[in-house]
Each structure stands twice: as structure tokens, then as C-alpha cells.
Amino acid sequence: MLNQKENVDLRKFLPHRKSMLMVDKHLVLTDEVIVTEFKIAATNIFVENNHFQESGLIENIAQTCSIIVGSSYFTDADADGENNSEVIGFISAIKFINIYKLPKINSKLISEGNLKSRFDGDGFSICTMTGKITCKDELLLECELNLFIKRI
């Protein structure tokens, strides 16, 4: 597992790249809590009519939540260099999701994931996470979801 660092390049722990990367940087990263920041560009693939759509919010919270468990598959050497580990991950279940408002372009999202439970098998992890997204202290989304992450 990685030592907690302040300047971790989150792209090392997510298979996503532009145009699907929905996390810019982390503000908090522990074994149980992740808080990320993401600014919505006008060119984002999930923007329609100058608003970030529901699918973008869900992708943002899923990527945010997956960082906690996904980072456990990497070492400090992976964080310092190119990510040579191959990991896949996906949402295996959405237990509930409430979307209250769609943010406008150029908004900065603050997304928080909290690890509720985790099961580690041979080369894979299944976890339950709670999450929320805010913008300027206004709640946009709250959810509980299951993630499946596996080393390839």
C-alpha cells in the first residue's frame, strides 16, 4: 500500500485518461476517506446545455471512491514512476443515488468518498462506499455504491 502523500498523481490509480478522467486532484486521502476536486470544463463530454449531466456526476463519484481501494494495488515506486500495474474497476451496484442539482460549466466539484466495508480476495477487492458531491457547499449528489476492483 502507498504511504499517504500530499502530491499523489491520481492518474496513476485510475485507468481513465482525457476525456474520461473526472478527477483533477485529491484534497484528502486516507485508508477510509477520499476527497477530490474537479473543475468542469465547457468541453467535457458530459456537458450539455452548459450543465454537467447526471452521468458525469456518477462517473466523478465512482472515480473518487475507487481511489481508496485502487491505491492499495500500487507501491510507492508506482506513484513515483509510470503505473505498470494493470487494474480494472467498475460499479457493481448502486444501492441508492440522489441527484439534487446539475452544476454549470466552470464549477468546482468537491467529491467525498467514505469506505463503509471492504472484502479482499485473491487479486480483487469488493467494497461499499458512501459518497457525496458538493459545489460551493451545496449538496449535488449523495449515494452508496459497490465497487469491484481487480488486478489483471
Protein backbone atom coordinates (compact mmCIF):
# COMPACT_ATOMS: atom_id res chain seq x y z
CA MET A 1 0.00 0.00 0.00
CA LEU A 2 1.09 3.53 -0.66
CA ASN A 3 2.31 5.76 2.07
CA GLN A 4 -0.02 8.76 2.29
CA LYS A 5 1.48 11.55 0.17
CA GLU A 6 0.35 15.08 -0.45
CA ASN A 7 1.18 15.26 -4.16
CA VAL A 8 0.00 11.91 -5.49
CA ASP A 9 -0.81 11.91 -9.21
CA LEU A 10 -4.26 10.32 -9.16
CA ARG A 11 -3.94 9.32 -12.82
CA LYS A 12 -1.60 6.59 -11.57
CA PHE A 13 -4.51 4.86 -9.82
CA LEU A 14 -7.27 5.32 -12.40
CA PRO A 15 -7.33 3.72 -15.85
CA HIS A 16 -9.13 6.80 -17.17
CA ARG A 17 -7.49 9.44 -19.33
CA LYS A 18 -8.84 12.52 -21.02
CA SER A 19 -11.73 12.69 -21.93
CA MET A 20 -12.99 10.29 -19.25
CA LEU A 21 -10.88 11.46 -16.29
CA MET A 22 -13.29 13.20 -13.89
CA VAL A 23 -10.89 13.92 -11.01
CA ASP A 24 -8.26 16.70 -11.01
CA LYS A 25 -6.60 16.30 -7.60
CA HIS A 26 -7.14 14.96 -4.12
CA LEU A 27 -7.52 17.06 -1.01
CA VAL A 28 -7.63 14.16 1.48
CA LEU A 29 -6.51 10.55 1.01
CA THR A 30 -6.54 8.03 3.86
CA ASP A 31 -7.41 4.34 4.07
CA GLU A 32 -11.07 5.25 4.67
CA VAL A 33 -11.67 8.74 3.24
CA ILE A 34 -11.00 10.38 -0.11
CA VAL A 35 -11.85 13.97 -1.03
CA THR A 36 -11.22 15.18 -4.58
CA GLU A 37 -11.62 18.31 -6.63
CA PHE A 38 -12.78 18.59 -10.24
CA LYS A 39 -13.39 21.66 -12.38
CA ILE A 40 -15.97 21.20 -15.13
CA ALA A 41 -14.66 22.37 -18.49
CA ALA A 42 -17.02 23.51 -21.22
CA THR A 43 -15.50 20.81 -23.45
CA ASN A 44 -16.26 17.96 -21.01
CA ILE A 45 -18.04 15.07 -22.72
CA PHE A 46 -20.75 15.08 -20.01
CA VAL A 47 -21.68 18.75 -20.54
CA GLU A 48 -24.98 19.51 -22.22
CA ASN A 49 -26.69 22.93 -22.33
CA ASN A 50 -23.86 24.36 -20.16
CA HIS A 51 -24.56 21.87 -17.32
CA PHE A 52 -22.69 18.77 -16.16
CA GLN A 53 -25.12 15.87 -16.59
CA GLU A 54 -26.12 13.08 -14.18
CA SER A 55 -23.83 10.56 -15.86
CA GLY A 56 -20.87 12.88 -15.27
CA LEU A 57 -21.70 13.23 -11.58
CA ILE A 58 -21.93 9.45 -11.24
CA GLU A 59 -18.61 8.95 -13.07
CA ASN A 60 -16.96 11.58 -10.85
CA ILE A 61 -18.10 9.97 -7.59
CA ALA A 62 -17.22 6.46 -8.82
CA GLN A 63 -13.69 7.54 -9.78
CA THR A 64 -13.30 9.39 -6.48
CA CYS A 65 -14.43 6.39 -4.42
CA SER A 66 -12.31 3.89 -6.36
CA ILE A 67 -9.09 5.71 -5.44
CA ILE A 68 -9.10 4.42 -1.83
CA VAL A 69 -9.19 0.73 -2.74
CA GLY A 70 -7.43 1.14 -6.09
CA SER A 71 -4.41 2.81 -4.48
CA SER A 72 -3.81 -0.31 -2.35
CA TYR A 73 -2.74 -2.18 -5.52
CA PHE A 74 0.21 0.15 -6.04
CA THR A 75 3.51 0.79 -4.33
CA ASP A 76 5.46 3.98 -3.73
CA ALA A 77 7.53 3.13 -6.82
CA ASP A 78 4.36 3.12 -8.94
CA ALA A 79 3.46 6.56 -7.60
CA ASP A 80 6.88 7.95 -8.47
CA GLY A 81 7.08 6.46 -11.94
CA GLU A 82 4.78 5.16 -14.62
CA ASN A 83 1.94 2.99 -13.45
CA ASN A 84 2.85 -0.52 -14.57
CA SER A 85 0.12 -2.25 -12.61
CA GLU A 86 -2.98 -3.15 -14.56
CA VAL A 87 -6.18 -2.83 -12.60
CA ILE A 88 -9.77 -2.72 -13.77
CA GLY A 89 -12.68 -1.48 -11.78
CA PHE A 90 -16.36 -0.89 -12.16
CA ILE A 91 -19.53 -0.11 -10.25
CA SER A 92 -21.09 -3.45 -9.35
CA ALA A 93 -24.19 -1.95 -7.71
CA ILE A 94 -25.72 1.40 -6.93
CA LYS A 95 -27.57 0.94 -3.65
CA PHE A 96 -29.04 4.43 -3.81
CA ILE A 97 -28.32 7.71 -5.52
CA ASN A 98 -29.92 11.10 -5.09
CA ILE A 99 -29.06 13.88 -7.51
CA TYR A 100 -30.35 17.26 -6.38
CA LYS A 101 -28.89 19.70 -8.88
CA LEU A 102 -26.72 19.78 -12.02
CA PRO A 103 -23.72 22.11 -11.80
CA LYS A 104 -22.83 24.61 -14.53
CA ILE A 105 -19.62 24.65 -16.54
CA ASN A 106 -16.57 26.09 -14.76
CA SER A 107 -17.95 24.90 -11.41
CA LYS A 108 -15.56 23.23 -8.98
CA LEU A 109 -16.88 19.98 -7.54
CA ILE A 110 -15.73 18.66 -4.17
CA SER A 111 -16.36 14.91 -4.02
CA GLU A 112 -16.02 12.79 -0.89
CA GLY A 113 -15.97 9.03 -0.60
CA ASN A 114 -16.07 7.06 2.65
CA LEU A 115 -15.23 3.38 2.87
CA LYS A 116 -18.08 1.52 4.56
CA SER A 117 -16.88 -2.06 4.05
CA ARG A 118 -14.22 -3.94 2.11
CA PHE A 119 -13.58 -7.55 1.17
CA ASP A 120 -10.20 -8.51 -0.34
CA GLY A 121 -9.92 -11.74 -2.30
CA ASP A 122 -7.09 -13.18 -4.37
CA GLY A 123 -6.21 -10.22 -6.61
CA PHE A 124 -9.53 -8.41 -6.26
CA SER A 125 -11.47 -6.21 -3.86
CA ILE A 126 -15.15 -5.53 -3.38
CA CYS A 127 -16.12 -2.50 -1.37
CA THR A 128 -19.12 -0.47 -0.34
CA MET A 129 -18.68 3.29 -0.38
CA THR A 130 -20.81 6.24 0.55
CA GLY A 131 -20.27 9.40 -1.42
CA LYS A 132 -21.35 12.96 -1.85
CA ILE A 133 -20.60 15.80 -4.23
CA THR A 134 -20.88 19.45 -3.29
CA CYS A 135 -20.34 22.71 -5.14
CA LYS A 136 -19.95 25.89 -3.12
CA ASP A 137 -21.26 24.00 -0.06
CA GLU A 138 -24.44 22.97 -1.92
CA LEU A 139 -25.16 19.23 -1.97
CA LEU A 140 -25.45 17.97 -5.56
CA LEU A 141 -25.31 14.19 -5.09
CA GLU A 142 -25.28 11.58 -2.36
CA CYS A 143 -25.02 7.87 -2.89
CA GLU A 144 -24.00 4.43 -1.71
CA LEU A 145 -22.38 2.11 -4.21
CA ASN A 146 -20.42 -1.11 -4.50
CA LEU A 147 -17.17 -1.18 -6.46
CA PHE A 148 -15.27 -4.16 -7.83
CA ILE A 149 -11.53 -3.69 -8.42
CA LYS A 150 -9.27 -6.41 -9.81
CA ARG A 151 -5.64 -6.72 -10.73
CA ILE A 152 -5.32 -8.02 -14.30
